[in-house]
Amino acid sequence: MNRNSRVFVAGVSTLAGRALQSYLRKVGWCVLQSDVEPDFANAEAAYNIFEKIRPDYVWAVAGKSGGIDANQNYPAELMRNNLLAAAHIFEAARRVNVKKLLYLASSCIYPRDCLQPMRAQDIRSGPLEPTSEAYATAKLAALKLCEAYRRQYGVSFITAIVADAFGPETEFDPKNSHVIPALIYKMHRAKIERQKEMSVWGSGKPVRDFIYSEDLADACLCVMENWDDQEPINLSASNPVSIADLAQLIREVVGFSGRLIFDLSKPDGAPSKILDAGTLFKLGWRPKVSFPDALKKTYEAFLADQPLL
């Protein structure tokens, strides 16, 4: 892989996709792109774009995502979109003889009560977390399909499992977003409305593992250049934090002076999701942005995007 390689990010409408495309260009890669992002859930659209640009290296990050609310209300949509997008990208990449492909799965594919920190061999060792079962099932099936392509066709398709990603590229719609953008949105609104208190879903006890979007993009490039194994590799900054502590950090970043109330009537999700990043760290990778700075950058992007909220 060199700077003359034809590289393609399949899914630039996603957080990971936007971050990857921006970062690759920033560090000097020439990233192929189409005039309009194709719908990879449509087979013809996927095959046409791959036939047109014929990339050498592909990051497969297409597919809809969302938090607990989206999983509860749109399970079929989440599953269908992710399964179809992954299947079409893999087949399109095989047809045009892509040299290497990296598929990104989510940490929600690990069992709900998985041993911590979670390792690749723990996949399918127990039931999934019910509140994210739809999305997790689709991502797990896609990961296994990627592995199957590698076994059957001898292609260099690899997989990675990503911690909860966030950053300026994130979607801040509280109905579709994950915990950090949802808290930023709610906390900022509470601040400008001068609310005396703000509710946070659940007990605040669950622990999550986060990775900043630019660090994720850097890790994806590191893995593409240095990893070629059938076993999935975890992408994490090894920075676990409880939801309660996270809410307090965001409270400080946003400048909300009210009280935080934890709503026990709302689900917690999995009690703990911490990825073992040992393999990634052995490749020489380390995060470059501290967690507090990453939260500040994300909030600044939110303010720039929604100044009138």
C-alpha atoms as a PDB file:
ATOM      1  CA  MET A   1       0.000   0.000   0.000  1.00  0.00           C
ATOM      2  CA  ASN A   2       1.438   3.355  -1.050  1.00  0.00           C
ATOM      3  CA  ARG A   3       0.288   6.919  -1.693  1.00  0.00           C
ATOM      4  CA  ASN A   4      -0.429   6.066  -5.337  1.00  0.00           C
ATOM      5  CA  SER A   5      -2.927   3.378  -4.332  1.00  0.00           C
ATOM      6  CA  ARG A   6      -6.585   3.830  -5.242  1.00  0.00           C
ATOM      7  CA  VAL A   7      -8.365   4.042  -1.874  1.00  0.00           C
ATOM      8  CA  PHE A   8     -12.108   4.243  -1.312  1.00  0.00           C
ATOM      9  CA  VAL A   9     -14.323   4.822   1.721  1.00  0.00           C
ATOM     10  CA  ALA A  10     -17.647   3.046   1.171  1.00  0.00           C
ATOM     11  CA  GLY A  11     -20.044   4.931   3.398  1.00  0.00           C
ATOM     12  CA  VAL A  12     -18.962   8.575   3.675  1.00  0.00           C
ATOM     13  CA  SER A  13     -22.398   9.515   5.006  1.00  0.00           C
ATOM     14  CA  THR A  14     -21.547   7.769   8.311  1.00  0.00           C
ATOM     15  CA  LEU A  15     -19.488   9.204  11.166  1.00  0.00           C
ATOM     16  CA  ALA A  16     -16.638   6.772  10.506  1.00  0.00           C
ATOM     17  CA  GLY A  17     -16.823   7.395   6.774  1.00  0.00           C
ATOM     18  CA  ARG A  18     -16.677  11.169   7.039  1.00  0.00           C
ATOM     19  CA  ALA A  19     -13.833  10.991   9.534  1.00  0.00           C
ATOM     20  CA  LEU A  20     -11.888   8.515   7.405  1.00  0.00           C
ATOM     21  CA  GLN A  21     -12.219  10.462   4.179  1.00  0.00           C
ATOM     22  CA  SER A  22     -11.200  13.716   5.869  1.00  0.00           C
ATOM     23  CA  TYR A  23      -8.259  12.150   7.702  1.00  0.00           C
ATOM     24  CA  LEU A  24      -6.912  10.234   4.703  1.00  0.00           C
ATOM     25  CA  ARG A  25      -6.871  13.418   2.654  1.00  0.00           C
ATOM     26  CA  LYS A  26      -5.284  15.324   5.527  1.00  0.00           C
ATOM     27  CA  VAL A  27      -2.343  12.905   5.687  1.00  0.00           C
ATOM     28  CA  GLY A  28      -1.814  12.849   1.938  1.00  0.00           C
ATOM     29  CA  TRP A  29      -3.900  10.038   0.448  1.00  0.00           C
ATOM     30  CA  CYS A  30      -5.864  10.516  -2.766  1.00  0.00           C
ATOM     31  CA  VAL A  31      -9.328   9.233  -1.894  1.00  0.00           C
ATOM     32  CA  LEU A  32     -11.634   8.137  -4.697  1.00  0.00           C
ATOM     33  CA  GLN A  33     -15.217   9.295  -4.496  1.00  0.00           C
ATOM     34  CA  SER A  34     -18.417   9.375  -6.502  1.00  0.00           C
ATOM     35  CA  ASP A  35     -20.374  12.513  -7.311  1.00  0.00           C
ATOM     36  CA  VAL A  36     -23.184  11.244  -5.106  1.00  0.00           C
ATOM     37  CA  GLU A  37     -22.901   8.694  -2.294  1.00  0.00           C
ATOM     38  CA  PRO A  38     -24.549   5.525  -3.677  1.00  0.00           C
ATOM     39  CA  ASP A  39     -27.094   3.542  -1.714  1.00  0.00           C
ATOM     40  CA  PHE A  40     -25.038   0.452  -0.956  1.00  0.00           C
ATOM     41  CA  ALA A  41     -28.198  -1.377   0.112  1.00  0.00           C
ATOM     42  CA  ASN A  42     -29.002  -1.346  -3.616  1.00  0.00           C
ATOM     43  CA  ALA A  43     -26.985  -4.039  -5.399  1.00  0.00           C
ATOM     44  CA  GLU A  44     -26.825  -2.298  -8.771  1.00  0.00           C
ATOM     45  CA  ALA A  45     -25.671   0.984  -7.228  1.00  0.00           C
ATOM     46  CA  ALA A  46     -22.927  -0.779  -5.280  1.00  0.00           C
ATOM     47  CA  TYR A  47     -21.668  -2.799  -8.239  1.00  0.00           C
ATOM     48  CA  ASN A  48     -21.723   0.234 -10.550  1.00  0.00           C
ATOM     49  CA  ILE A  49     -19.597   2.451  -8.311  1.00  0.00           C
ATOM     50  CA  PHE A  50     -16.991  -0.264  -7.758  1.00  0.00           C
ATOM     51  CA  GLU A  51     -16.859  -1.013 -11.477  1.00  0.00           C
ATOM     52  CA  LYS A  52     -16.461   2.681 -12.229  1.00  0.00           C
ATOM     53  CA  ILE A  53     -13.667   3.559  -9.787  1.00  0.00           C
ATOM     54  CA  ARG A  54     -12.045   0.097  -9.326  1.00  0.00           C
ATOM     55  CA  PRO A  55     -10.359   0.785  -5.979  1.00  0.00           C
ATOM     56  CA  ASP A  56      -7.341  -1.058  -4.586  1.00  0.00           C
ATOM     57  CA  TYR A  57      -8.159  -0.594  -0.887  1.00  0.00           C
ATOM     58  CA  VAL A  58     -11.605  -0.221   0.663  1.00  0.00           C
ATOM     59  CA  TRP A  59     -12.914   0.735   4.087  1.00  0.00           C
ATOM     60  CA  ALA A  60     -16.464  -0.655   4.346  1.00  0.00           C
ATOM     61  CA  VAL A  61     -18.337   1.570   6.794  1.00  0.00           C
ATOM     62  CA  ALA A  62     -21.767   1.999   5.141  1.00  0.00           C
ATOM     63  CA  GLY A  63     -24.994   1.317   7.004  1.00  0.00           C
ATOM     64  CA  LYS A  64     -27.441   3.033   9.326  1.00  0.00           C
ATOM     65  CA  SER A  65     -26.812   3.144  13.061  1.00  0.00           C
ATOM     66  CA  GLY A  66     -28.489   4.459  16.179  1.00  0.00           C
ATOM     67  CA  GLY A  67     -28.821   4.147  19.928  1.00  0.00           C
ATOM     68  CA  ILE A  68     -31.379   2.387  22.103  1.00  0.00           C
ATOM     69  CA  ASP A  69     -34.295   4.417  20.716  1.00  0.00           C
ATOM     70  CA  ALA A  70     -33.501   3.546  17.087  1.00  0.00           C
ATOM     71  CA  ASN A  71     -33.037  -0.147  17.929  1.00  0.00           C
ATOM     72  CA  GLN A  72     -36.398  -0.249  19.685  1.00  0.00           C
ATOM     73  CA  ASN A  73     -38.379   1.629  17.038  1.00  0.00           C
ATOM     74  CA  TYR A  74     -36.647   0.794  13.729  1.00  0.00           C
ATOM     75  CA  PRO A  75     -35.166  -2.715  14.159  1.00  0.00           C
ATOM     76  CA  ALA A  76     -36.088  -4.017  10.705  1.00  0.00           C
ATOM     77  CA  GLU A  77     -34.731  -0.920   8.983  1.00  0.00           C
ATOM     78  CA  LEU A  78     -31.426  -1.131  10.868  1.00  0.00           C
ATOM     79  CA  MET A  79     -30.994  -4.823  10.106  1.00  0.00           C
ATOM     80  CA  ARG A  80     -32.027  -4.673   6.470  1.00  0.00           C
ATOM     81  CA  ASN A  81     -29.875  -1.657   5.605  1.00  0.00           C
ATOM     82  CA  ASN A  82     -26.719  -2.971   7.280  1.00  0.00           C
ATOM     83  CA  LEU A  83     -27.020  -6.521   5.961  1.00  0.00           C
ATOM     84  CA  LEU A  84     -27.666  -5.454   2.383  1.00  0.00           C
ATOM     85  CA  ALA A  85     -24.979  -2.762   2.344  1.00  0.00           C
ATOM     86  CA  ALA A  86     -22.305  -5.121   3.657  1.00  0.00           C
ATOM     87  CA  ALA A  87     -23.255  -7.972   1.318  1.00  0.00           C
ATOM     88  CA  HIS A  88     -23.221  -5.744  -1.754  1.00  0.00           C
ATOM     89  CA  ILE A  89     -19.916  -4.065  -0.855  1.00  0.00           C
ATOM     90  CA  PHE A  90     -18.176  -7.410  -0.272  1.00  0.00           C
ATOM     91  CA  GLU A  91     -19.412  -8.859  -3.549  1.00  0.00           C
ATOM     92  CA  ALA A  92     -18.596  -5.700  -5.506  1.00  0.00           C
ATOM     93  CA  ALA A  93     -15.088  -5.648  -4.022  1.00  0.00           C
ATOM     94  CA  ARG A  94     -14.556  -9.302  -4.939  1.00  0.00           C
ATOM     95  CA  ARG A  95     -15.726  -8.750  -8.507  1.00  0.00           C
ATOM     96  CA  VAL A  96     -13.230  -5.950  -9.195  1.00  0.00           C
ATOM     97  CA  ASN A  97     -10.355  -7.702  -7.374  1.00  0.00           C
ATOM     98  CA  VAL A  98      -9.873  -5.216  -4.553  1.00  0.00           C
ATOM     99  CA  LYS A  99      -6.475  -5.833  -2.944  1.00  0.00           C
ATOM    100  CA  LYS A 100      -7.693  -5.367   0.621  1.00  0.00           C
ATOM    101  CA  LEU A 101     -10.907  -4.481   2.442  1.00  0.00           C
ATOM    102  CA  LEU A 102     -11.504  -3.522   6.070  1.00  0.00           C
ATOM    103  CA  TYR A 103     -15.032  -3.914   7.456  1.00  0.00           C
ATOM    104  CA  LEU A 104     -15.970  -2.062  10.644  1.00  0.00           C
ATOM    105  CA  ALA A 105     -18.305  -3.796  13.092  1.00  0.00           C
ATOM    106  CA  SER A 106     -19.596  -2.442  16.393  1.00  0.00           C
ATOM    107  CA  SER A 107     -18.756  -3.396  19.967  1.00  0.00           C
ATOM    108  CA  CYS A 108     -22.446  -4.239  20.454  1.00  0.00           C
ATOM    109  CA  ILE A 109     -21.762  -7.586  18.734  1.00  0.00           C
ATOM    110  CA  TYR A 110     -20.174  -8.775  21.985  1.00  0.00           C
ATOM    111  CA  PRO A 111     -22.443 -10.576  24.497  1.00  0.00           C
ATOM    112  CA  ARG A 112     -24.311  -8.505  27.062  1.00  0.00           C
ATOM    113  CA  ASP A 113     -22.523 -10.107  30.010  1.00  0.00           C
ATOM    114  CA  CYS A 114     -19.165 -10.560  28.322  1.00  0.00           C
ATOM    115  CA  LEU A 115     -15.965 -10.858  30.321  1.00  0.00           C
ATOM    116  CA  GLN A 116     -14.114  -7.526  30.471  1.00  0.00           C
ATOM    117  CA  PRO A 117     -12.150  -6.339  28.619  1.00  0.00           C
ATOM    118  CA  MET A 118     -13.768  -7.953  25.587  1.00  0.00           C
ATOM    119  CA  ARG A 119     -11.639  -9.955  23.152  1.00  0.00           C
ATOM    120  CA  ALA A 120     -12.376 -11.343  19.701  1.00  0.00           C
ATOM    121  CA  GLN A 121     -12.629 -14.907  21.011  1.00  0.00           C
ATOM    122  CA  ASP A 122     -15.526 -13.782  23.255  1.00  0.00           C
ATOM    123  CA  ILE A 123     -17.823 -13.153  20.271  1.00  0.00           C
ATOM    124  CA  ARG A 124     -20.926 -15.406  20.434  1.00  0.00           C
ATOM    125  CA  SER A 125     -20.050 -16.585  23.952  1.00  0.00           C
ATOM    126  CA  GLY A 126     -23.451 -15.429  25.229  1.00  0.00           C
ATOM    127  CA  PRO A 127     -26.687 -13.583  24.365  1.00  0.00           C
ATOM    128  CA  LEU A 128     -26.580 -10.083  22.890  1.00  0.00           C
ATOM    129  CA  GLU A 129     -27.797  -6.997  24.741  1.00  0.00           C
ATOM    130  CA  PRO A 130     -31.566  -6.834  23.996  1.00  0.00           C
ATOM    131  CA  THR A 131     -31.669  -3.033  23.622  1.00  0.00           C
ATOM    132  CA  SER A 132     -29.278  -3.150  20.649  1.00  0.00           C
ATOM    133  CA  GLU A 133     -30.075  -6.633  19.350  1.00  0.00           C
ATOM    134  CA  ALA A 134     -31.269  -5.578  15.884  1.00  0.00           C
ATOM    135  CA  TYR A 135     -28.195  -3.552  14.986  1.00  0.00           C
ATOM    136  CA  ALA A 136     -25.836  -5.991  16.712  1.00  0.00           C
ATOM    137  CA  THR A 137     -27.269  -9.004  14.886  1.00  0.00           C
ATOM    138  CA  ALA A 138     -26.815  -7.310  11.520  1.00  0.00           C
ATOM    139  CA  LYS A 139     -23.247  -6.220  12.273  1.00  0.00           C
ATOM    140  CA  LEU A 140     -22.325  -9.681  13.571  1.00  0.00           C
ATOM    141  CA  ALA A 141     -23.776 -11.374  10.494  1.00  0.00           C
ATOM    142  CA  ALA A 142     -21.872  -8.962   8.241  1.00  0.00           C
ATOM    143  CA  LEU A 143     -18.636  -9.634  10.118  1.00  0.00           C
ATOM    144  CA  LYS A 144     -19.108 -13.381   9.648  1.00  0.00           C
ATOM    145  CA  LEU A 145     -19.913 -12.857   5.969  1.00  0.00           C
ATOM    146  CA  CYS A 146     -16.673 -10.912   5.571  1.00  0.00           C
ATOM    147  CA  GLU A 147     -14.770 -13.789   7.177  1.00  0.00           C
ATOM    148  CA  ALA A 148     -16.568 -16.249   4.880  1.00  0.00           C
ATOM    149  CA  TYR A 149     -15.478 -14.302   1.803  1.00  0.00           C
ATOM    150  CA  ARG A 150     -11.890 -14.504   3.026  1.00  0.00           C
ATOM    151  CA  ARG A 151     -12.108 -18.284   3.525  1.00  0.00           C
ATOM    152  CA  GLN A 152     -13.962 -19.151   0.329  1.00  0.00           C
ATOM    153  CA  TYR A 153     -12.397 -16.743  -2.153  1.00  0.00           C
ATOM    154  CA  GLY A 154      -8.959 -16.171  -0.629  1.00  0.00           C
ATOM    155  CA  VAL A 155      -9.470 -12.400  -0.606  1.00  0.00           C
ATOM    156  CA  SER A 156      -7.708 -10.094   1.856  1.00  0.00           C
ATOM    157  CA  PHE A 157     -10.854  -9.021   3.693  1.00  0.00           C
ATOM    158  CA  ILE A 158     -10.321  -8.106   7.363  1.00  0.00           C
ATOM    159  CA  THR A 159     -12.642  -6.988  10.150  1.00  0.00           C
ATOM    160  CA  ALA A 160     -12.420  -4.606  13.088  1.00  0.00           C
ATOM    161  CA  ILE A 161     -14.687  -4.032  16.084  1.00  0.00           C
ATOM    162  CA  VAL A 162     -15.028  -0.386  17.048  1.00  0.00           C
ATOM    163  CA  ALA A 163     -15.612   1.190  20.452  1.00  0.00           C
ATOM    164  CA  ASP A 164     -18.334   3.848  20.706  1.00  0.00           C
ATOM    165  CA  ALA A 165     -17.129   6.475  18.230  1.00  0.00           C
ATOM    166  CA  PHE A 166     -17.887  10.186  18.465  1.00  0.00           C
ATOM    167  CA  GLY A 167     -16.599  13.452  17.066  1.00  0.00           C
ATOM    168  CA  PRO A 168     -17.455  16.505  14.953  1.00  0.00           C
ATOM    169  CA  GLU A 169     -18.849  14.254  12.218  1.00  0.00           C
ATOM    170  CA  THR A 170     -21.482  12.730  14.486  1.00  0.00           C
ATOM    171  CA  GLU A 171     -25.255  13.079  14.117  1.00  0.00           C
ATOM    172  CA  PHE A 172     -26.702  15.142  16.953  1.00  0.00           C
ATOM    173  CA  ASP A 173     -30.356  14.212  16.452  1.00  0.00           C
ATOM    174  CA  PRO A 174     -31.307  12.873  19.927  1.00  0.00           C
ATOM    175  CA  LYS A 175     -33.722  10.336  18.389  1.00  0.00           C
ATOM    176  CA  ASN A 176     -31.035   8.640  16.290  1.00  0.00           C
ATOM    177  CA  SER A 177     -27.747   9.439  17.995  1.00  0.00           C
ATOM    178  CA  HIS A 178     -25.586   7.577  20.488  1.00  0.00           C
ATOM    179  CA  VAL A 179     -24.928   8.617  24.073  1.00  0.00           C
ATOM    180  CA  ILE A 180     -22.343  11.419  23.644  1.00  0.00           C
ATOM    181  CA  PRO A 181     -24.117  13.442  20.933  1.00  0.00           C
ATOM    182  CA  ALA A 182     -27.474  12.831  22.641  1.00  0.00           C
ATOM    183  CA  LEU A 183     -26.135  14.171  25.953  1.00  0.00           C
ATOM    184  CA  ILE A 184     -24.501  17.161  24.257  1.00  0.00           C
ATOM    185  CA  TYR A 185     -27.781  18.041  22.545  1.00  0.00           C
ATOM    186  CA  LYS A 186     -29.889  17.663  25.682  1.00  0.00           C
ATOM    187  CA  MET A 187     -27.378  19.424  27.946  1.00  0.00           C
ATOM    188  CA  HIS A 188     -26.986  22.385  25.599  1.00  0.00           C
ATOM    189  CA  ARG A 189     -30.740  22.748  25.280  1.00  0.00           C
ATOM    190  CA  ALA A 190     -31.117  22.579  29.057  1.00  0.00           C
ATOM    191  CA  LYS A 191     -28.481  25.308  29.408  1.00  0.00           C
ATOM    192  CA  ILE A 192     -30.047  27.791  26.982  1.00  0.00           C
ATOM    193  CA  GLU A 193     -33.505  27.141  28.443  1.00  0.00           C
ATOM    194  CA  ARG A 194     -32.042  27.650  31.941  1.00  0.00           C
ATOM    195  CA  GLN A 195     -33.454  24.399  33.216  1.00  0.00           C
ATOM    196  CA  LYS A 196     -32.651  23.565  36.828  1.00  0.00           C
ATOM    197  CA  GLU A 197     -32.199  19.868  36.131  1.00  0.00           C
ATOM    198  CA  MET A 198     -31.792  17.447  33.242  1.00  0.00           C
ATOM    199  CA  SER A 199     -32.576  13.749  33.040  1.00  0.00           C
ATOM    200  CA  VAL A 200     -30.087  11.120  31.884  1.00  0.00           C
ATOM    201  CA  TRP A 201     -31.296   7.698  30.740  1.00  0.00           C
ATOM    202  CA  GLY A 202     -30.683   4.865  33.198  1.00  0.00           C
ATOM    203  CA  SER A 203     -28.715   4.583  36.408  1.00  0.00           C
ATOM    204  CA  GLY A 204     -25.457   6.072  35.144  1.00  0.00           C
ATOM    205  CA  LYS A 205     -23.599   2.941  36.239  1.00  0.00           C
ATOM    206  CA  PRO A 206     -22.877   1.311  32.840  1.00  0.00           C
ATOM    207  CA  VAL A 207     -19.312   1.694  31.592  1.00  0.00           C
ATOM    208  CA  ARG A 208     -18.557   2.489  27.965  1.00  0.00           C
ATOM    209  CA  ASP A 209     -15.406   2.599  25.854  1.00  0.00           C
ATOM    210  CA  PHE A 210     -15.114   5.584  23.510  1.00  0.00           C
ATOM    211  CA  ILE A 211     -12.867   6.545  20.610  1.00  0.00           C
ATOM    212  CA  TYR A 212     -12.617   9.984  18.984  1.00  0.00           C
ATOM    213  CA  SER A 213     -13.386  10.027  15.266  1.00  0.00           C
ATOM    214  CA  GLU A 214      -9.974  11.240  14.084  1.00  0.00           C
ATOM    215  CA  ASP A 215      -8.260   8.665  16.293  1.00  0.00           C
ATOM    216  CA  LEU A 216     -10.565   6.029  14.807  1.00  0.00           C
ATOM    217  CA  ALA A 217      -9.575   7.072  11.287  1.00  0.00           C
ATOM    218  CA  ASP A 218      -5.901   6.901  12.230  1.00  0.00           C
ATOM    219  CA  ALA A 219      -6.436   3.429  13.726  1.00  0.00           C
ATOM    220  CA  CYS A 220      -8.237   2.286  10.561  1.00  0.00           C
ATOM    221  CA  LEU A 221      -5.267   3.340   8.441  1.00  0.00           C
ATOM    222  CA  CYS A 222      -2.852   1.605  10.829  1.00  0.00           C
ATOM    223  CA  VAL A 223      -4.850  -1.634  10.632  1.00  0.00           C
ATOM    224  CA  MET A 224      -5.161  -1.488   6.849  1.00  0.00           C
ATOM    225  CA  GLU A 225      -1.386  -1.150   6.557  1.00  0.00           C
ATOM    226  CA  ASN A 226      -0.329  -3.586   9.279  1.00  0.00           C
ATOM    227  CA  TRP A 227      -3.004  -6.249   9.891  1.00  0.00           C
ATOM    228  CA  ASP A 228      -4.040  -9.180   7.709  1.00  0.00           C
ATOM    229  CA  ASP A 229      -5.648 -11.865   9.837  1.00  0.00           C
ATOM    230  CA  GLN A 230      -9.061 -13.517   9.878  1.00  0.00           C
ATOM    231  CA  GLU A 231      -9.527 -12.702  13.566  1.00  0.00           C
ATOM    232  CA  PRO A 232     -11.228  -9.337  14.172  1.00  0.00           C
ATOM    233  CA  ILE A 233      -9.156  -6.593  15.786  1.00  0.00           C
ATOM    234  CA  ASN A 234     -10.572  -4.213  18.397  1.00  0.00           C
ATOM    235  CA  LEU A 235     -10.283  -0.468  17.763  1.00  0.00           C
ATOM    236  CA  SER A 236     -10.340   1.373  21.080  1.00  0.00           C
ATOM    237  CA  ALA A 237      -8.502   4.190  22.837  1.00  0.00           C
ATOM    238  CA  SER A 238      -8.687   2.189  26.096  1.00  0.00           C
ATOM    239  CA  ASN A 239     -10.509   4.999  27.849  1.00  0.00           C
ATOM    240  CA  PRO A 240     -13.491   3.453  29.673  1.00  0.00           C
ATOM    241  CA  VAL A 241     -15.835   5.790  31.551  1.00  0.00           C
ATOM    242  CA  SER A 242     -19.165   5.369  33.340  1.00  0.00           C
ATOM    243  CA  ILE A 243     -22.237   7.099  31.943  1.00  0.00           C
ATOM    244  CA  ALA A 244     -22.472   9.121  35.175  1.00  0.00           C
ATOM    245  CA  ASP A 245     -18.883  10.376  34.835  1.00  0.00           C
ATOM    246  CA  LEU A 246     -19.424  11.012  31.126  1.00  0.00           C
ATOM    247  CA  ALA A 247     -22.503  13.117  31.861  1.00  0.00           C
ATOM    248  CA  GLN A 248     -20.509  15.140  34.385  1.00  0.00           C
ATOM    249  CA  LEU A 249     -17.684  15.731  31.884  1.00  0.00           C
ATOM    250  CA  ILE A 250     -20.157  16.878  29.229  1.00  0.00           C
ATOM    251  CA  ARG A 251     -21.879  19.068  31.825  1.00  0.00           C
ATOM    252  CA  GLU A 252     -18.563  20.853  32.386  1.00  0.00           C
ATOM    253  CA  VAL A 253     -17.804  21.178  28.663  1.00  0.00           C
ATOM    254  CA  VAL A 254     -21.263  22.572  27.868  1.00  0.00           C
ATOM    255  CA  GLY A 255     -21.403  24.785  30.956  1.00  0.00           C
ATOM    256  CA  PHE A 256     -24.720  23.504  32.253  1.00  0.00           C
ATOM    257  CA  SER A 257     -25.169  24.510  35.904  1.00  0.00           C
ATOM    258  CA  GLY A 258     -28.284  22.482  36.647  1.00  0.00           C
ATOM    259  CA  ARG A 259     -28.593  19.140  38.398  1.00  0.00           C
ATOM    260  CA  LEU A 260     -28.352  15.766  36.649  1.00  0.00           C
ATOM    261  CA  ILE A 261     -31.183  13.322  37.386  1.00  0.00           C
ATOM    262  CA  PHE A 262     -30.756   9.672  36.424  1.00  0.00           C
ATOM    263  CA  ASP A 263     -34.022   8.236  35.102  1.00  0.00           C
ATOM    264  CA  LEU A 264     -34.225   4.672  36.406  1.00  0.00           C
ATOM    265  CA  SER A 265     -37.327   4.002  34.305  1.00  0.00           C
ATOM    266  CA  LYS A 266     -35.141   4.042  31.189  1.00  0.00           C
ATOM    267  CA  PRO A 267     -32.946   1.064  30.171  1.00  0.00           C
ATOM    268  CA  ASP A 268     -29.227   0.981  30.919  1.00  0.00           C
ATOM    269  CA  GLY A 269     -28.152  -1.265  28.084  1.00  0.00           C
ATOM    270  CA  ALA A 270     -25.174  -3.566  28.652  1.00  0.00           C
ATOM    271  CA  PRO A 271     -23.546  -3.091  32.090  1.00  0.00           C
ATOM    272  CA  SER A 272     -20.028  -2.779  30.675  1.00  0.00           C
ATOM    273  CA  LYS A 273     -18.472  -2.580  27.207  1.00  0.00           C
ATOM    274  CA  ILE A 274     -14.688  -2.289  27.360  1.00  0.00           C
ATOM    275  CA  LEU A 275     -12.613  -3.480  24.418  1.00  0.00           C
ATOM    276  CA  ASP A 276      -9.221  -5.133  24.778  1.00  0.00           C
ATOM    277  CA  ALA A 277      -7.032  -2.971  22.525  1.00  0.00           C
ATOM    278  CA  GLY A 278      -3.849  -4.944  23.185  1.00  0.00           C
ATOM    279  CA  THR A 279      -3.476  -6.194  19.604  1.00  0.00           C
ATOM    280  CA  LEU A 280      -3.961  -2.700  18.165  1.00  0.00           C
ATOM    281  CA  PHE A 281      -1.445  -1.238  20.588  1.00  0.00           C
ATOM    282  CA  LYS A 282       1.078  -3.930  19.607  1.00  0.00           C
ATOM    283  CA  LEU A 283       0.891  -2.530  16.063  1.00  0.00           C
ATOM    284  CA  GLY A 284       2.279   0.704  17.503  1.00  0.00           C
ATOM    285  CA  TRP A 285      -0.950   2.690  17.480  1.00  0.00           C
ATOM    286  CA  ARG A 286      -1.901   5.139  20.245  1.00  0.00           C
ATOM    287  CA  PRO A 287      -4.699   7.741  20.477  1.00  0.00           C
ATOM    288  CA  LYS A 288      -3.589  11.308  19.819  1.00  0.00           C
ATOM    289  CA  VAL A 289      -6.484  13.312  21.280  1.00  0.00           C
ATOM    290  CA  SER A 290      -7.306  13.269  25.008  1.00  0.00           C
ATOM    291  CA  PHE A 291     -10.873  12.436  25.973  1.00  0.00           C
ATOM    292  CA  PRO A 292     -11.665  15.898  27.460  1.00  0.00           C
ATOM    293  CA  ASP A 293     -10.241  17.626  24.367  1.00  0.00           C
ATOM    294  CA  ALA A 294     -12.231  15.305  22.115  1.00  0.00           C
ATOM    295  CA  LEU A 295     -15.446  16.225  23.950  1.00  0.00           C
ATOM    296  CA  LYS A 296     -14.622  19.935  23.581  1.00  0.00           C
ATOM    297  CA  LYS A 297     -13.981  19.572  19.836  1.00  0.00           C
ATOM    298  CA  THR A 298     -17.247  17.699  19.441  1.00  0.00           C
ATOM    299  CA  TYR A 299     -19.209  20.363  21.315  1.00  0.00           C
ATOM    300  CA  GLU A 300     -17.587  23.113  19.233  1.00  0.00           C
ATOM    301  CA  ALA A 301     -18.706  21.299  16.089  1.00  0.00           C
ATOM    302  CA  PHE A 302     -22.218  21.031  17.500  1.00  0.00           C
ATOM    303  CA  LEU A 303     -22.320  24.787  18.151  1.00  0.00           C
ATOM    304  CA  ALA A 304     -21.108  25.532  14.630  1.00  0.00           C
ATOM    305  CA  ASP A 305     -23.716  23.201  13.141  1.00  0.00           C
ATOM    306  CA  GLN A 306     -26.702  24.255  15.248  1.00  0.00           C
ATOM    307  CA  PRO A 307     -26.046  27.817  16.473  1.00  0.00           C
ATOM    308  CA  LEU A 308     -29.735  28.714  16.789  1.00  0.00           C
ATOM    309  CA  LEU A 309     -30.822  25.764  18.922  1.00  0.00           C
END
